[in-house]
Amino acid sequence: MSKKILYTNFTTTEDLIEKLLSKTEIKKAITRNNLYKFWEKVAGNKFAQKSKPYSMLAGGIMVIACENAIVAQELMLKKTQLLVKFEPYLKSLKMNVKDLRFDPKKWVE
């Protein structure tokens, strides 16, 4: 007795990726992740080692995790400059960041 082999319609990798990319949440996550990669260019090497983008809140608020309160305070003083430096990256990704919030409680090594 030989077993009967059943063939199914397999989904190609391309179809799977296309389906994933069509989901709004996935698109947003990828765009956000791309924006986060620019943090070092915007904040500078010194601050990029002591802070990193953590999340996005409603209304275009980006939360930045900071190593400690001192880093958060220094970045707060540079907030306007940081937002100006972010502008070209935001335009290229068609994103809107209106404000930065610096939070030492979100820092994880």
PDB file of N, CA and C in Angstrom:
ATOM      1  N   MET A   1       0.828  -1.182   0.000  1.00  0.00           N
ATOM      2  CA  MET A   1       0.000   0.000   0.000  1.00  0.00           C
ATOM      3  C   MET A   1       0.873   1.247   0.000  1.00  0.00           C
ATOM      4  N   SER A   2       0.727   2.059  -1.014  1.00  0.00           N
ATOM      5  CA  SER A   2       1.501   3.299  -1.045  1.00  0.00           C
ATOM      6  C   SER A   2       0.629   4.441  -0.523  1.00  0.00           C
ATOM      7  N   LYS A   3       1.313   5.372   0.160  1.00  0.00           N
ATOM      8  CA  LYS A   3       0.588   6.537   0.697  1.00  0.00           C
ATOM      9  C   LYS A   3       0.354   7.540  -0.413  1.00  0.00           C
ATOM     10  N   LYS A   4      -0.783   8.159  -0.345  1.00  0.00           N
ATOM     11  CA  LYS A   4      -1.107   9.171  -1.330  1.00  0.00           C
ATOM     12  C   LYS A   4      -0.520  10.507  -0.871  1.00  0.00           C
ATOM     13  N   ILE A   5       0.211  11.170  -1.736  1.00  0.00           N
ATOM     14  CA  ILE A   5       0.814  12.449  -1.405  1.00  0.00           C
ATOM     15  C   ILE A   5      -0.144  13.558  -1.804  1.00  0.00           C
ATOM     16  N   LEU A   6      -0.428  14.412  -0.840  1.00  0.00           N
ATOM     17  CA  LEU A   6      -1.321  15.537  -1.106  1.00  0.00           C
ATOM     18  C   LEU A   6      -0.487  16.798  -1.321  1.00  0.00           C
ATOM     19  N   TYR A   7      -0.713  17.476  -2.418  1.00  0.00           N
ATOM     20  CA  TYR A   7       0.003  18.713  -2.711  1.00  0.00           C
ATOM     21  C   TYR A   7      -0.878  19.898  -2.338  1.00  0.00           C
ATOM     22  N   THR A   8      -0.260  20.898  -1.783  1.00  0.00           N
ATOM     23  CA  THR A   8      -1.012  22.102  -1.434  1.00  0.00           C
ATOM     24  C   THR A   8      -0.395  23.292  -2.146  1.00  0.00           C
ATOM     25  N   ASN A   9      -1.101  24.374  -2.141  1.00  0.00           N
ATOM     26  CA  ASN A   9      -0.574  25.610  -2.716  1.00  0.00           C
ATOM     27  C   ASN A   9       0.290  26.311  -1.676  1.00  0.00           C
ATOM     28  N   PHE A  10       1.584  26.274  -1.891  1.00  0.00           N
ATOM     29  CA  PHE A  10       2.494  26.922  -0.962  1.00  0.00           C
ATOM     30  C   PHE A  10       2.573  28.416  -1.283  1.00  0.00           C
ATOM     31  N   THR A  11       2.748  29.203  -0.248  1.00  0.00           N
ATOM     32  CA  THR A  11       2.906  30.641  -0.418  1.00  0.00           C
ATOM     33  C   THR A  11       4.380  30.934  -0.634  1.00  0.00           C
ATOM     34  N   THR A  12       4.672  31.728  -1.631  1.00  0.00           N
ATOM     35  CA  THR A  12       6.073  32.070  -1.879  1.00  0.00           C
ATOM     36  C   THR A  12       6.527  33.114  -0.863  1.00  0.00           C
ATOM     37  N   THR A  13       7.825  33.208  -0.665  1.00  0.00           N
ATOM     38  CA  THR A  13       8.386  34.196   0.252  1.00  0.00           C
ATOM     39  C   THR A  13       7.994  35.602  -0.183  1.00  0.00           C
ATOM     40  N   GLU A  14       8.045  35.850  -1.497  1.00  0.00           N
ATOM     41  CA  GLU A  14       7.680  37.164  -2.018  1.00  0.00           C
ATOM     42  C   GLU A  14       6.238  37.529  -1.663  1.00  0.00           C
ATOM     43  N   ASP A  15       5.330  36.564  -1.820  1.00  0.00           N
ATOM     44  CA  ASP A  15       3.924  36.819  -1.486  1.00  0.00           C
ATOM     45  C   ASP A  15       3.753  37.116   0.002  1.00  0.00           C
ATOM     46  N   LEU A  16       4.483  36.368   0.811  1.00  0.00           N
ATOM     47  CA  LEU A  16       4.415  36.540   2.258  1.00  0.00           C
ATOM     48  C   LEU A  16       4.910  37.929   2.660  1.00  0.00           C
ATOM     49  N   ILE A  17       6.051  38.345   2.110  1.00  0.00           N
ATOM     50  CA  ILE A  17       6.617  39.668   2.409  1.00  0.00           C
ATOM     51  C   ILE A  17       5.682  40.768   1.936  1.00  0.00           C
ATOM     52  N   GLU A  18       5.138  40.600   0.734  1.00  0.00           N
ATOM     53  CA  GLU A  18       4.200  41.588   0.198  1.00  0.00           C
ATOM     54  C   GLU A  18       2.981  41.728   1.104  1.00  0.00           C
ATOM     55  N   LYS A  19       2.474  40.590   1.582  1.00  0.00           N
ATOM     56  CA  LYS A  19       1.307  40.603   2.464  1.00  0.00           C
ATOM     57  C   LYS A  19       1.640  41.312   3.778  1.00  0.00           C
ATOM     58  N   LEU A  20       2.821  41.038   4.337  1.00  0.00           N
ATOM     59  CA  LEU A  20       3.245  41.678   5.582  1.00  0.00           C
ATOM     60  C   LEU A  20       3.405  43.187   5.409  1.00  0.00           C
ATOM     61  N   LEU A  21       4.050  43.579   4.307  1.00  0.00           N
ATOM     62  CA  LEU A  21       4.293  44.998   4.074  1.00  0.00           C
ATOM     63  C   LEU A  21       3.021  45.784   3.793  1.00  0.00           C
ATOM     64  N   SER A  22       1.967  45.091   3.409  1.00  0.00           N
ATOM     65  CA  SER A  22       0.706  45.785   3.156  1.00  0.00           C
ATOM     66  C   SER A  22      -0.012  46.129   4.464  1.00  0.00           C
ATOM     67  N   LYS A  23       0.407  45.526   5.559  1.00  0.00           N
ATOM     68  CA  LYS A  23      -0.209  45.820   6.855  1.00  0.00           C
ATOM     69  C   LYS A  23       0.342  47.146   7.395  1.00  0.00           C
ATOM     70  N   THR A  24      -0.549  48.026   7.780  1.00  0.00           N
ATOM     71  CA  THR A  24      -0.182  49.360   8.244  1.00  0.00           C
ATOM     72  C   THR A  24       0.758  49.315   9.446  1.00  0.00           C
ATOM     73  N   GLU A  25       0.488  48.431  10.409  1.00  0.00           N
ATOM     74  CA  GLU A  25       1.311  48.359  11.626  1.00  0.00           C
ATOM     75  C   GLU A  25       2.752  47.994  11.287  1.00  0.00           C
ATOM     76  N   ILE A  26       2.915  47.071  10.343  1.00  0.00           N
ATOM     77  CA  ILE A  26       4.254  46.628   9.934  1.00  0.00           C
ATOM     78  C   ILE A  26       4.981  47.782   9.242  1.00  0.00           C
ATOM     79  N   LYS A  27       4.275  48.469   8.352  1.00  0.00           N
ATOM     80  CA  LYS A  27       4.878  49.621   7.648  1.00  0.00           C
ATOM     81  C   LYS A  27       5.343  50.674   8.648  1.00  0.00           C
ATOM     82  N   LYS A  28       4.482  50.971   9.623  1.00  0.00           N
ATOM     83  CA  LYS A  28       4.818  51.973  10.635  1.00  0.00           C
ATOM     84  C   LYS A  28       6.033  51.537  11.449  1.00  0.00           C
ATOM     85  N   ALA A  29       6.072  50.269  11.822  1.00  0.00           N
ATOM     86  CA  ALA A  29       7.189  49.755  12.627  1.00  0.00           C
ATOM     87  C   ALA A  29       8.501  49.843  11.860  1.00  0.00           C
ATOM     88  N   ILE A  30       8.475  49.526  10.578  1.00  0.00           N
ATOM     89  CA  ILE A  30       9.690  49.589   9.752  1.00  0.00           C
ATOM     90  C   ILE A  30      10.141  51.043   9.601  1.00  0.00           C
ATOM     91  N   THR A  31       9.207  51.929   9.334  1.00  0.00           N
ATOM     92  CA  THR A  31       9.538  53.348   9.189  1.00  0.00           C
ATOM     93  C   THR A  31      10.113  53.894  10.483  1.00  0.00           C
ATOM     94  N   ARG A  32       9.474  53.546  11.591  1.00  0.00           N
ATOM     95  CA  ARG A  32       9.943  53.992  12.904  1.00  0.00           C
ATOM     96  C   ARG A  32      11.345  53.465  13.169  1.00  0.00           C
ATOM     97  N   ASN A  33      11.573  52.212  12.858  1.00  0.00           N
ATOM     98  CA  ASN A  33      12.886  51.610  13.063  1.00  0.00           C
ATOM     99  C   ASN A  33      13.942  52.324  12.217  1.00  0.00           C
ATOM    100  N   ASN A  34      13.597  52.681  10.989  1.00  0.00           N
ATOM    101  CA  ASN A  34      14.522  53.427  10.130  1.00  0.00           C
ATOM    102  C   ASN A  34      14.837  54.789  10.738  1.00  0.00           C
ATOM    103  N   LEU A  35      13.830  55.444  11.294  1.00  0.00           N
ATOM    104  CA  LEU A  35      14.039  56.742  11.927  1.00  0.00           C
ATOM    105  C   LEU A  35      14.976  56.597  13.131  1.00  0.00           C
ATOM    106  N   TYR A  36      14.774  55.564  13.925  1.00  0.00           N
ATOM    107  CA  TYR A  36      15.608  55.338  15.113  1.00  0.00           C
ATOM    108  C   TYR A  36      17.083  55.190  14.751  1.00  0.00           C
ATOM    109  N   LYS A  37      17.350  54.651  13.551  1.00  0.00           N
ATOM    110  CA  LYS A  37      18.737  54.458  13.114  1.00  0.00           C
ATOM    111  C   LYS A  37      19.475  55.788  12.930  1.00  0.00           C
ATOM    112  N   PHE A  38      18.718  56.870  12.734  1.00  0.00           N
ATOM    113  CA  PHE A  38      19.333  58.181  12.530  1.00  0.00           C
ATOM    114  C   PHE A  38      19.665  58.893  13.844  1.00  0.00           C
ATOM    115  N   TRP A  39      19.290  58.315  14.966  1.00  0.00           N
ATOM    116  CA  TRP A  39      19.487  58.975  16.254  1.00  0.00           C
ATOM    117  C   TRP A  39      20.950  59.372  16.477  1.00  0.00           C
ATOM    118  N   GLU A  40      21.897  58.495  16.139  1.00  0.00           N
ATOM    119  CA  GLU A  40      23.311  58.813  16.355  1.00  0.00           C
ATOM    120  C   GLU A  40      23.723  60.057  15.558  1.00  0.00           C
ATOM    121  N   LYS A  41      23.239  60.165  14.319  1.00  0.00           N
ATOM    122  CA  LYS A  41      23.561  61.330  13.491  1.00  0.00           C
ATOM    123  C   LYS A  41      22.955  62.605  14.079  1.00  0.00           C
ATOM    124  N   VAL A  42      21.778  62.480  14.636  1.00  0.00           N
ATOM    125  CA  VAL A  42      21.076  63.634  15.179  1.00  0.00           C
ATOM    126  C   VAL A  42      21.648  64.040  16.547  1.00  0.00           C
ATOM    127  N   ALA A  43      21.828  63.072  17.428  1.00  0.00           N
ATOM    128  CA  ALA A  43      22.253  63.363  18.801  1.00  0.00           C
ATOM    129  C   ALA A  43      23.765  63.512  18.931  1.00  0.00           C
ATOM    130  N   GLY A  44      24.500  62.932  17.989  1.00  0.00           N
ATOM    131  CA  GLY A  44      25.962  62.934  18.112  1.00  0.00           C
ATOM    132  C   GLY A  44      26.413  61.684  18.847  1.00  0.00           C
ATOM    133  N   ASN A  45      27.629  61.293  18.618  1.00  0.00           N
ATOM    134  CA  ASN A  45      28.158  60.037  19.156  1.00  0.00           C
ATOM    135  C   ASN A  45      28.092  59.974  20.683  1.00  0.00           C
ATOM    136  N   LYS A  46      28.471  61.059  21.339  1.00  0.00           N
ATOM    137  CA  LYS A  46      28.497  61.102  22.814  1.00  0.00           C
ATOM    138  C   LYS A  46      27.123  60.768  23.395  1.00  0.00           C
ATOM    139  N   PHE A  47      26.087  61.430  22.876  1.00  0.00           N
ATOM    140  CA  PHE A  47      24.738  61.210  23.412  1.00  0.00           C
ATOM    141  C   PHE A  47      24.113  59.918  22.900  1.00  0.00           C
ATOM    142  N   ALA A  48      24.512  59.489  21.711  1.00  0.00           N
ATOM    143  CA  ALA A  48      23.954  58.252  21.156  1.00  0.00           C
ATOM    144  C   ALA A  48      24.348  57.042  22.007  1.00  0.00           C
ATOM    145  N   GLN A  49      25.454  57.130  22.703  1.00  0.00           N
ATOM    146  CA  GLN A  49      25.887  56.027  23.574  1.00  0.00           C
ATOM    147  C   GLN A  49      25.130  56.020  24.899  1.00  0.00           C
ATOM    148  N   LYS A  50      24.552  57.152  25.244  1.00  0.00           N
ATOM    149  CA  LYS A  50      23.878  57.287  26.538  1.00  0.00           C
ATOM    150  C   LYS A  50      22.364  57.468  26.411  1.00  0.00           C
ATOM    151  N   SER A  51      21.860  57.390  25.180  1.00  0.00           N
ATOM    152  CA  SER A  51      20.419  57.531  24.950  1.00  0.00           C
ATOM    153  C   SER A  51      20.045  56.808  23.673  1.00  0.00           C
ATOM    154  N   LYS A  52      18.776  56.431  23.582  1.00  0.00           N
ATOM    155  CA  LYS A  52      18.298  55.794  22.349  1.00  0.00           C
ATOM    156  C   LYS A  52      16.787  55.928  22.249  1.00  0.00           C
ATOM    157  N   PRO A  53      16.282  56.026  21.008  1.00  0.00           N
ATOM    158  CA  PRO A  53      14.829  56.107  20.833  1.00  0.00           C
ATOM    159  C   PRO A  53      14.159  54.881  21.449  1.00  0.00           C
ATOM    160  N   TYR A  54      13.068  55.121  22.150  1.00  0.00           N
ATOM    161  CA  TYR A  54      12.382  54.044  22.860  1.00  0.00           C
ATOM    162  C   TYR A  54      11.016  53.735  22.245  1.00  0.00           C
ATOM    163  N   SER A  55      10.245  54.778  21.961  1.00  0.00           N
ATOM    164  CA  SER A  55       8.909  54.553  21.395  1.00  0.00           C
ATOM    165  C   SER A  55       8.353  55.852  20.822  1.00  0.00           C
ATOM    166  N   MET A  56       7.214  55.713  20.170  1.00  0.00           N
ATOM    167  CA  MET A  56       6.494  56.876  19.654  1.00  0.00           C
ATOM    168  C   MET A  56       5.132  56.933  20.341  1.00  0.00           C
ATOM    169  N   LEU A  57       4.756  58.123  20.768  1.00  0.00           N
ATOM    170  CA  LEU A  57       3.446  58.322  21.385  1.00  0.00           C
ATOM    171  C   LEU A  57       2.552  59.061  20.401  1.00  0.00           C
ATOM    172  N   ALA A  58       1.274  59.047  20.679  1.00  0.00           N
ATOM    173  CA  ALA A  58       0.315  59.756  19.833  1.00  0.00           C
ATOM    174  C   ALA A  58       0.680  61.235  19.781  1.00  0.00           C
ATOM    175  N   GLY A  59       0.385  61.858  18.672  1.00  0.00           N
ATOM    176  CA  GLY A  59       0.663  63.282  18.525  1.00  0.00           C
ATOM    177  C   GLY A  59       2.090  63.580  18.107  1.00  0.00           C
ATOM    178  N   GLY A  60       2.819  62.556  17.671  1.00  0.00           N
ATOM    179  CA  GLY A  60       4.172  62.765  17.176  1.00  0.00           C
ATOM    180  C   GLY A  60       5.212  63.014  18.263  1.00  0.00           C
ATOM    181  N   ILE A  61       5.047  62.367  19.407  1.00  0.00           N
ATOM    182  CA  ILE A  61       6.020  62.513  20.497  1.00  0.00           C
ATOM    183  C   ILE A  61       6.931  61.283  20.525  1.00  0.00           C
ATOM    184  N   MET A  62       8.226  61.516  20.342  1.00  0.00           N
ATOM    185  CA  MET A  62       9.189  60.424  20.405  1.00  0.00           C
ATOM    186  C   MET A  62       9.784  60.367  21.807  1.00  0.00           C
ATOM    187  N   VAL A  63       9.723  59.177  22.406  1.00  0.00           N
ATOM    188  CA  VAL A  63      10.292  58.981  23.737  1.00  0.00           C
ATOM    189  C   VAL A  63      11.722  58.480  23.564  1.00  0.00           C
ATOM    190  N   ILE A  64      12.656  59.144  24.228  1.00  0.00           N
ATOM    191  CA  ILE A  64      14.064  58.777  24.182  1.00  0.00           C
ATOM    192  C   ILE A  64      14.460  58.250  25.556  1.00  0.00           C
ATOM    193  N   ALA A  65      14.929  57.007  25.606  1.00  0.00           N
ATOM    194  CA  ALA A  65      15.427  56.435  26.857  1.00  0.00           C
ATOM    195  C   ALA A  65      16.812  57.008  27.112  1.00  0.00           C
ATOM    196  N   CYS A  66      17.061  57.441  28.331  1.00  0.00           N
ATOM    197  CA  CYS A  66      18.346  58.055  28.680  1.00  0.00           C
ATOM    198  C   CYS A  66      18.996  57.272  29.819  1.00  0.00           C
ATOM    199  N   GLU A  67      20.318  57.206  29.772  1.00  0.00           N
ATOM    200  CA  GLU A  67      21.087  56.454  30.769  1.00  0.00           C
ATOM    201  C   GLU A  67      20.819  56.951  32.193  1.00  0.00           C
ATOM    202  N   ASN A  68      20.665  58.259  32.346  1.00  0.00           N
ATOM    203  CA  ASN A  68      20.381  58.826  33.662  1.00  0.00           C
ATOM    204  C   ASN A  68      19.725  60.201  33.506  1.00  0.00           C
ATOM    205  N   ALA A  69      19.376  60.794  34.639  1.00  0.00           N
ATOM    206  CA  ALA A  69      18.673  62.081  34.624  1.00  0.00           C
ATOM    207  C   ALA A  69      19.544  63.209  34.071  1.00  0.00           C
ATOM    208  N   ILE A  70      20.854  63.110  34.259  1.00  0.00           N
ATOM    209  CA  ILE A  70      21.764  64.151  33.760  1.00  0.00           C
ATOM    210  C   ILE A  70      21.733  64.181  32.231  1.00  0.00           C
ATOM    211  N   VAL A  71      21.800  62.992  31.603  1.00  0.00           N
ATOM    212  CA  VAL A  71      21.727  62.902  30.139  1.00  0.00           C
ATOM    213  C   VAL A  71      20.380  63.434  29.661  1.00  0.00           C
ATOM    214  N   ALA A  72      19.313  63.058  30.351  1.00  0.00           N
ATOM    215  CA  ALA A  72      17.967  63.521  29.982  1.00  0.00           C
ATOM    216  C   ALA A  72      17.906  65.053  30.032  1.00  0.00           C
ATOM    217  N   GLN A  73      18.488  65.647  31.072  1.00  0.00           N
ATOM    218  CA  GLN A  73      18.488  67.103  31.230  1.00  0.00           C
ATOM    219  C   GLN A  73      19.296  67.776  30.119  1.00  0.00           C
ATOM    220  N   GLU A  74      20.478  67.238  29.814  1.00  0.00           N
ATOM    221  CA  GLU A  74      21.308  67.812  28.750  1.00  0.00           C
ATOM    222  C   GLU A  74      20.591  67.757  27.403  1.00  0.00           C
ATOM    223  N   LEU A  75      19.951  66.620  27.130  1.00  0.00           N
ATOM    224  CA  LEU A  75      19.222  66.484  25.867  1.00  0.00           C
ATOM    225  C   LEU A  75      18.017  67.417  25.833  1.00  0.00           C
ATOM    226  N   MET A  76      17.374  67.590  26.977  1.00  0.00           N
ATOM    227  CA  MET A  76      16.222  68.490  27.060  1.00  0.00           C
ATOM    228  C   MET A  76      16.635  69.908  26.655  1.00  0.00           C
ATOM    229  N   LEU A  77      17.822  70.316  27.094  1.00  0.00           N
ATOM    230  CA  LEU A  77      18.320  71.651  26.752  1.00  0.00           C
ATOM    231  C   LEU A  77      18.625  71.786  25.262  1.00  0.00           C
ATOM    232  N   LYS A  78      18.886  70.660  24.592  1.00  0.00           N
ATOM    233  CA  LYS A  78      19.204  70.658  23.160  1.00  0.00           C
ATOM    234  C   LYS A  78      18.001  70.271  22.291  1.00  0.00           C
ATOM    235  N   LYS A  79      16.832  70.161  22.904  1.00  0.00           N
ATOM    236  CA  LYS A  79      15.656  69.627  22.202  1.00  0.00           C
ATOM    237  C   LYS A  79      15.369  70.336  20.876  1.00  0.00           C
ATOM    238  N   THR A  80      15.363  71.656  20.874  1.00  0.00           N
ATOM    239  CA  THR A  80      15.054  72.408  19.649  1.00  0.00           C
ATOM    240  C   THR A  80      16.051  72.074  18.548  1.00  0.00           C
ATOM    241  N   GLN A  81      17.345  72.046  18.885  1.00  0.00           N
ATOM    242  CA  GLN A  81      18.384  71.707  17.906  1.00  0.00           C
ATOM    243  C   GLN A  81      18.189  70.284  17.381  1.00  0.00           C
ATOM    244  N   LEU A  82      17.849  69.362  18.274  1.00  0.00           N
ATOM    245  CA  LEU A  82      17.639  67.959  17.871  1.00  0.00           C
ATOM    246  C   LEU A  82      16.482  67.849  16.887  1.00  0.00           C
ATOM    247  N   LEU A  83      15.398  68.548  17.164  1.00  0.00           N
ATOM    248  CA  LEU A  83      14.235  68.503  16.272  1.00  0.00           C
ATOM    249  C   LEU A  83      14.584  69.070  14.890  1.00  0.00           C
ATOM    250  N   VAL A  84      15.386  70.126  14.866  1.00  0.00           N
ATOM    251  CA  VAL A  84      15.812  70.718  13.593  1.00  0.00           C
ATOM    252  C   VAL A  84      16.694  69.718  12.828  1.00  0.00           C
ATOM    253  N   LYS A  85      17.603  69.041  13.541  1.00  0.00           N
ATOM    254  CA  LYS A  85      18.485  68.062  12.895  1.00  0.00           C
ATOM    255  C   LYS A  85      17.698  66.854  12.375  1.00  0.00           C
ATOM    256  N   PHE A  86      16.598  66.528  13.050  1.00  0.00           N
ATOM    257  CA  PHE A  86      15.761  65.388  12.645  1.00  0.00           C
ATOM    258  C   PHE A  86      14.980  65.672  11.365  1.00  0.00           C
ATOM    259  N   GLU A  87      14.713  66.950  11.096  1.00  0.00           N
ATOM    260  CA  GLU A  87      13.824  67.358  10.009  1.00  0.00           C
ATOM    261  C   GLU A  87      14.074  66.671   8.663  1.00  0.00           C
ATOM    262  N   PRO A  88      15.319  66.659   8.130  1.00  0.00           N
ATOM    263  CA  PRO A  88      15.512  66.016   6.816  1.00  0.00           C
ATOM    264  C   PRO A  88      15.180  64.514   6.827  1.00  0.00           C
ATOM    265  N   TYR A  89      15.473  63.846   7.929  1.00  0.00           N
ATOM    266  CA  TYR A  89      15.178  62.409   8.036  1.00  0.00           C
ATOM    267  C   TYR A  89      13.674  62.181   8.111  1.00  0.00           C
ATOM    268  N   LEU A  90      12.990  63.040   8.848  1.00  0.00           N
ATOM    269  CA  LEU A  90      11.538  62.940   8.974  1.00  0.00           C
ATOM    270  C   LEU A  90      10.866  63.147   7.629  1.00  0.00           C
ATOM    271  N   LYS A  91      11.348  64.134   6.874  1.00  0.00           N
ATOM    272  CA  LYS A  91      10.772  64.403   5.548  1.00  0.00           C
ATOM    273  C   LYS A  91      10.973  63.212   4.619  1.00  0.00           C
ATOM    274  N   SER A  92      12.188  62.642   4.623  1.00  0.00           N
ATOM    275  CA  SER A  92      12.460  61.522   3.714  1.00  0.00           C
ATOM    276  C   SER A  92      11.620  60.293   4.054  1.00  0.00           C
ATOM    277  N   LEU A  93      11.289  60.124   5.341  1.00  0.00           N
ATOM    278  CA  LEU A  93      10.475  58.974   5.759  1.00  0.00           C
ATOM    279  C   LEU A  93       8.981  59.320   5.846  1.00  0.00           C
ATOM    280  N   LYS A  94       8.657  60.580   5.537  1.00  0.00           N
ATOM    281  CA  LYS A  94       7.266  61.062   5.624  1.00  0.00           C
ATOM    282  C   LYS A  94       6.691  60.821   7.022  1.00  0.00           C
ATOM    283  N   MET A  95       7.493  61.178   8.019  1.00  0.00           N
ATOM    284  CA  MET A  95       7.063  61.025   9.414  1.00  0.00           C
ATOM    285  C   MET A  95       6.916  62.392  10.055  1.00  0.00           C
ATOM    286  N   ASN A  96       6.214  62.416  11.165  1.00  0.00           N
ATOM    287  CA  ASN A  96       5.981  63.655  11.880  1.00  0.00           C
ATOM    288  C   ASN A  96       6.358  63.478  13.350  1.00  0.00           C
ATOM    289  N   VAL A  97       7.421  64.147  13.772  1.00  0.00           N
ATOM    290  CA  VAL A  97       7.793  64.154  15.183  1.00  0.00           C
ATOM    291  C   VAL A  97       7.737  65.608  15.623  1.00  0.00           C
ATOM    292  N   LYS A  98       6.807  65.881  16.539  1.00  0.00           N
ATOM    293  CA  LYS A  98       6.605  67.262  16.990  1.00  0.00           C
ATOM    294  C   LYS A  98       7.369  67.562  18.273  1.00  0.00           C
ATOM    295  N   ASP A  99       7.645  66.503  19.056  1.00  0.00           N
ATOM    296  CA  ASP A  99       8.261  66.721  20.359  1.00  0.00           C
ATOM    297  C   ASP A  99       9.113  65.513  20.746  1.00  0.00           C
ATOM    298  N   LEU A 100      10.068  65.763  21.626  1.00  0.00           N
ATOM    299  CA  LEU A 100      10.909  64.702  22.169  1.00  0.00           C
ATOM    300  C   LEU A 100      10.714  64.672  23.683  1.00  0.00           C
ATOM    301  N   ARG A 101      10.568  63.479  24.216  1.00  0.00           N
ATOM    302  CA  ARG A 101      10.440  63.307  25.667  1.00  0.00           C
ATOM    303  C   ARG A 101      11.598  62.417  26.120  1.00  0.00           C
ATOM    304  N   PHE A 102      12.346  62.878  27.105  1.00  0.00           N
ATOM    305  CA  PHE A 102      13.534  62.161  27.565  1.00  0.00           C
ATOM    306  C   PHE A 102      13.230  61.477  28.893  1.00  0.00           C
ATOM    307  N   ASP A 103      13.430  60.155  28.937  1.00  0.00           N
ATOM    308  CA  ASP A 103      13.000  59.376  30.096  1.00  0.00           C
ATOM    309  C   ASP A 103      14.096  58.425  30.581  1.00  0.00           C
ATOM    310  N   PRO A 104      14.721  58.738  31.723  1.00  0.00           N
ATOM    311  CA  PRO A 104      15.758  57.839  32.252  1.00  0.00           C
ATOM    312  C   PRO A 104      15.189  56.511  32.780  1.00  0.00           C
ATOM    313  N   LYS A 105      13.884  56.459  33.069  1.00  0.00           N
ATOM    314  CA  LYS A 105      13.286  55.218  33.593  1.00  0.00           C
ATOM    315  C   LYS A 105      13.199  54.120  32.524  1.00  0.00           C
ATOM    316  N   LYS A 106      13.264  54.516  31.254  1.00  0.00           N
ATOM    317  CA  LYS A 106      13.111  53.545  30.151  1.00  0.00           C
ATOM    318  C   LYS A 106      14.452  52.912  29.755  1.00  0.00           C
ATOM    319  N   TRP A 107      15.551  53.366  30.343  1.00  0.00           N
ATOM    320  CA  TRP A 107      16.885  52.900  29.936  1.00  0.00           C
ATOM    321  C   TRP A 107      17.113  51.435  30.314  1.00  0.00           C
ATOM    322  N   VAL A 108      17.577  50.648  29.334  1.00  0.00           N
ATOM    323  CA  VAL A 108      17.958  49.256  29.571  1.00  0.00           C
ATOM    324  C   VAL A 108      19.299  49.056  28.898  1.00  0.00           C
ATOM    325  N   GLU A 109      20.253  48.498  29.627  1.00  0.00           N
ATOM    326  CA  GLU A 109      21.597  48.262  29.061  1.00  0.00           C
ATOM    327  C   GLU A 109      21.532  47.227  27.958  1.00  0.00           C
TER     328      GLU A 109
END
